């Protein structure tokens, strides 16, 4: 492979990591054509970009990153495929689902929300990471709770009038 082509591939991998900051390093070696096609379709359906990369080129990209990214380098042995995503837990769930069917892919490592996870033992932890949308939903629920309490207090104490609001606030302060 020519040096220019290697530099171009390194730039493409770096751009993909910048665009989709969460990525998983997996091993898909041993999947037949039908299984690989099913994996690619599943990735496409969940907005996950699947790319097979050379270990040496990926290592050069990871070396440019911080300490967390550099800690992923020892996992670059054998066949390597990258799964890029914006939703932190989507690839973990997909890996778990596909591994139950075909025995592959196997999680080597992951870089999720600026943290490195090395080894397949972290798959369950990665599956349980909440997505951005789930966290926003929980925050909204928490914020709505005090408002619901005030409204229910108003309706119960004074039928929704201003005097009821004052009475509720006085009771809260005491």
Protein backbone atom coordinates (compact mmCIF):
# COMPACT_ATOMS: atom_id res chain seq x y z
CA UNK A 1 0.00 0.00 0.00
CA UNK A 2 1.40 3.40 -0.97
CA UNK A 3 2.20 5.96 1.70
CA UNK A 4 -0.32 8.45 0.26
CA UNK A 5 -3.10 5.89 0.43
CA UNK A 6 -2.22 5.03 4.04
CA UNK A 7 -2.31 8.74 4.98
CA UNK A 8 -5.69 9.09 3.28
CA UNK A 9 -7.13 6.10 5.20
CA UNK A 10 -5.76 7.47 8.49
CA UNK A 11 -7.44 10.81 7.74
CA UNK A 12 -10.73 9.04 6.95
CA UNK A 13 -10.66 7.11 10.23
CA UNK A 14 -9.82 10.30 12.17
CA UNK A 15 -12.68 12.16 10.48
CA UNK A 16 -15.09 9.32 11.28
CA UNK A 17 -14.06 9.42 14.96
CA UNK A 18 -14.57 13.20 15.06
CA UNK A 19 -17.98 12.89 13.41
CA UNK A 20 -19.19 9.99 15.58
CA UNK A 21 -17.25 10.11 18.86
CA UNK A 22 -18.35 6.70 20.20
CA UNK A 23 -16.73 3.68 18.59
CA UNK A 24 -16.37 -0.01 19.25
CA UNK A 25 -13.45 -2.21 18.21
CA UNK A 26 -14.72 -5.69 17.35
CA UNK A 27 -13.65 -8.97 15.82
CA UNK A 28 -15.91 -10.27 13.05
CA UNK A 29 -13.47 -12.82 11.64
CA UNK A 30 -15.08 -16.14 10.84
CA UNK A 31 -18.49 -14.81 9.81
CA UNK A 32 -19.59 -16.14 6.44
CA UNK A 33 -20.95 -13.87 3.70
CA UNK A 34 -24.58 -14.29 4.77
CA UNK A 35 -23.82 -13.52 8.42
CA UNK A 36 -21.64 -10.54 7.49
CA UNK A 37 -24.41 -9.20 5.28
CA UNK A 38 -26.94 -9.60 8.10
CA UNK A 39 -24.58 -7.76 10.47
CA UNK A 40 -24.11 -4.90 8.00
CA UNK A 41 -27.89 -4.60 7.49
CA UNK A 42 -28.44 -4.53 11.26
CA UNK A 43 -25.77 -1.84 11.62
CA UNK A 44 -27.36 0.24 8.86
CA UNK A 45 -30.77 -0.07 10.53
CA UNK A 46 -29.40 1.26 13.83
CA UNK A 47 -27.33 4.09 12.28
CA UNK A 48 -24.01 2.36 13.03
CA UNK A 49 -21.18 2.63 10.54
CA UNK A 50 -19.23 -0.65 10.25
CA UNK A 51 -15.71 -0.48 8.77
CA UNK A 52 -12.98 -3.14 8.58
CA UNK A 53 -9.58 -1.52 9.20
CA UNK A 54 -5.90 -2.42 9.28
CA UNK A 55 -4.57 -2.56 12.83
CA UNK A 56 -1.45 -0.52 12.05
CA UNK A 57 -3.46 2.34 10.55
CA UNK A 58 -5.94 2.38 13.42
CA UNK A 59 -3.06 2.34 15.90
CA UNK A 60 -1.67 5.52 14.31
CA UNK A 61 -5.06 7.22 14.76
CA UNK A 62 -5.37 6.07 18.38
CA UNK A 63 -1.81 7.23 19.17
CA UNK A 64 -2.84 10.77 18.18
CA UNK A 65 -5.68 10.70 20.73
CA UNK A 66 -5.51 11.07 24.50
CA UNK A 67 -4.41 8.49 27.07
CA UNK A 68 -7.82 6.81 27.02
CA UNK A 69 -7.59 6.23 23.26
CA UNK A 70 -3.99 5.04 23.51
CA UNK A 71 -5.08 2.39 26.03
CA UNK A 72 -7.04 0.70 23.22
CA UNK A 73 -3.92 -0.07 21.15
CA UNK A 74 -3.10 -3.45 22.81
CA UNK A 75 -6.44 -4.83 21.55
CA UNK A 76 -5.41 -4.41 17.92
CA UNK A 77 -4.54 -8.01 17.13
CA UNK A 78 -6.13 -10.20 14.51
CA UNK A 79 -9.03 -9.02 12.39
CA UNK A 80 -10.48 -5.65 13.43
CA UNK A 81 -13.74 -3.94 12.56
CA UNK A 82 -14.86 -0.56 13.86
CA UNK A 83 -18.43 0.38 14.70
CA UNK A 84 -18.99 4.15 14.76
CA UNK A 85 -22.10 5.60 16.36
CA UNK A 86 -23.64 8.64 17.99
CA UNK A 87 -25.83 6.56 20.31
CA UNK A 88 -23.46 5.20 22.94
CA UNK A 89 -25.16 1.88 23.69
CA UNK A 90 -26.49 0.90 20.24
CA UNK A 91 -23.43 -1.11 19.11
CA UNK A 92 -23.21 -2.94 22.44
CA UNK A 93 -26.82 -4.07 22.13
CA UNK A 94 -26.22 -5.06 18.50
CA UNK A 95 -23.05 -7.01 19.38
CA UNK A 96 -24.90 -8.85 22.14
CA UNK A 97 -27.83 -9.67 19.84
CA UNK A 98 -25.64 -10.83 16.92
CA UNK A 99 -23.28 -12.81 19.17
CA UNK A 100 -26.23 -14.81 20.49
CA UNK A 101 -27.13 -15.74 16.88
CA UNK A 102 -23.72 -16.24 15.27
CA UNK A 103 -21.11 -16.22 18.06
CA UNK A 104 -19.60 -13.05 16.55
CA UNK A 105 -18.88 -10.14 16.63
CA UNK A 106 -16.72 -10.16 19.73
CA UNK A 107 -16.08 -6.92 21.57
CA UNK A 108 -12.37 -6.13 21.85
CA UNK A 109 -12.69 -2.60 23.21
CA UNK A 110 -14.83 0.52 23.09
CA UNK A 111 -14.38 4.27 23.39
CA UNK A 112 -17.67 5.62 24.68
CA UNK A 113 -18.36 9.06 26.14
CA UNK A 114 -14.60 9.75 26.37
CA UNK A 115 -13.93 6.56 28.38
CA UNK A 116 -12.11 3.44 27.25
CA UNK A 117 -13.50 -0.03 27.92
CA UNK A 118 -11.08 -2.87 27.16
CA UNK A 119 -12.33 -6.43 26.95
CA UNK A 120 -15.52 -8.33 26.25
CA UNK A 121 -16.40 -8.39 29.97
CA UNK A 122 -17.59 -4.76 29.62
CA UNK A 123 -20.32 -5.60 27.10
CA UNK A 124 -23.12 -5.65 29.68
CA UNK A 125 -21.95 -2.33 31.16
CA UNK A 126 -21.94 -0.78 27.70
CA UNK A 127 -25.45 -2.11 27.00
CA UNK A 128 -26.70 -0.33 30.13
CA UNK A 129 -25.24 3.10 29.27
CA UNK A 130 -28.09 5.50 28.77
CA UNK A 131 -28.42 7.33 25.50
CA UNK A 132 -28.67 11.09 25.30
CA UNK A 133 -32.42 10.89 24.70
CA UNK A 134 -32.95 8.63 27.72
CA UNK A 135 -31.00 11.02 29.97
CA UNK A 136 -32.98 14.02 28.70
CA UNK A 137 -36.21 12.13 29.38
CA UNK A 138 -35.14 11.38 32.95
CA UNK A 139 -34.15 15.01 33.56
CA UNK A 140 -37.51 16.23 32.25
CA UNK A 141 -39.31 13.76 34.52
CA UNK A 142 -37.32 14.97 37.52
CA UNK A 143 -38.01 18.62 36.68
CA UNK A 144 -41.72 17.99 36.18
CA UNK A 145 -42.12 16.30 39.53
CA UNK A 146 -42.05 19.49 41.70
CA UNK A 147 -44.44 21.23 39.30
CA UNK A 148 -46.88 18.33 39.54
CA UNK A 149 -46.69 18.49 43.35
CA UNK A 150 -47.52 22.21 43.36
CA UNK A 151 -50.42 21.74 40.94
CA UNK A 152 -51.85 18.82 42.90
CA UNK A 153 -51.48 20.82 46.11
CA UNK A 154 -53.34 23.73 44.55
CA UNK A 155 -56.15 21.54 43.31
CA UNK A 156 -56.52 19.69 46.59
CA UNK A 157 -56.34 22.67 48.94
CA UNK A 158 -58.13 25.51 47.21
CA UNK A 159 -59.52 24.46 43.90
CA UNK A 160 -56.77 26.26 41.98
CA UNK A 161 -57.17 29.83 43.31
CA UNK A 162 -54.44 32.24 44.44
CA UNK A 163 -55.28 31.72 48.10
CA UNK A 164 -54.58 28.03 47.64
CA UNK A 165 -51.17 28.84 46.18
CA UNK A 166 -50.29 31.03 49.14
CA UNK A 167 -51.52 28.37 51.56
CA UNK A 168 -49.47 25.68 49.82
CA UNK A 169 -46.35 27.82 49.87
CA UNK A 170 -46.84 28.63 53.56
CA UNK A 171 -47.19 24.94 54.36
CA UNK A 172 -44.01 24.14 52.46
CA UNK A 173 -42.04 26.78 54.35
CA UNK A 174 -43.20 25.49 57.74
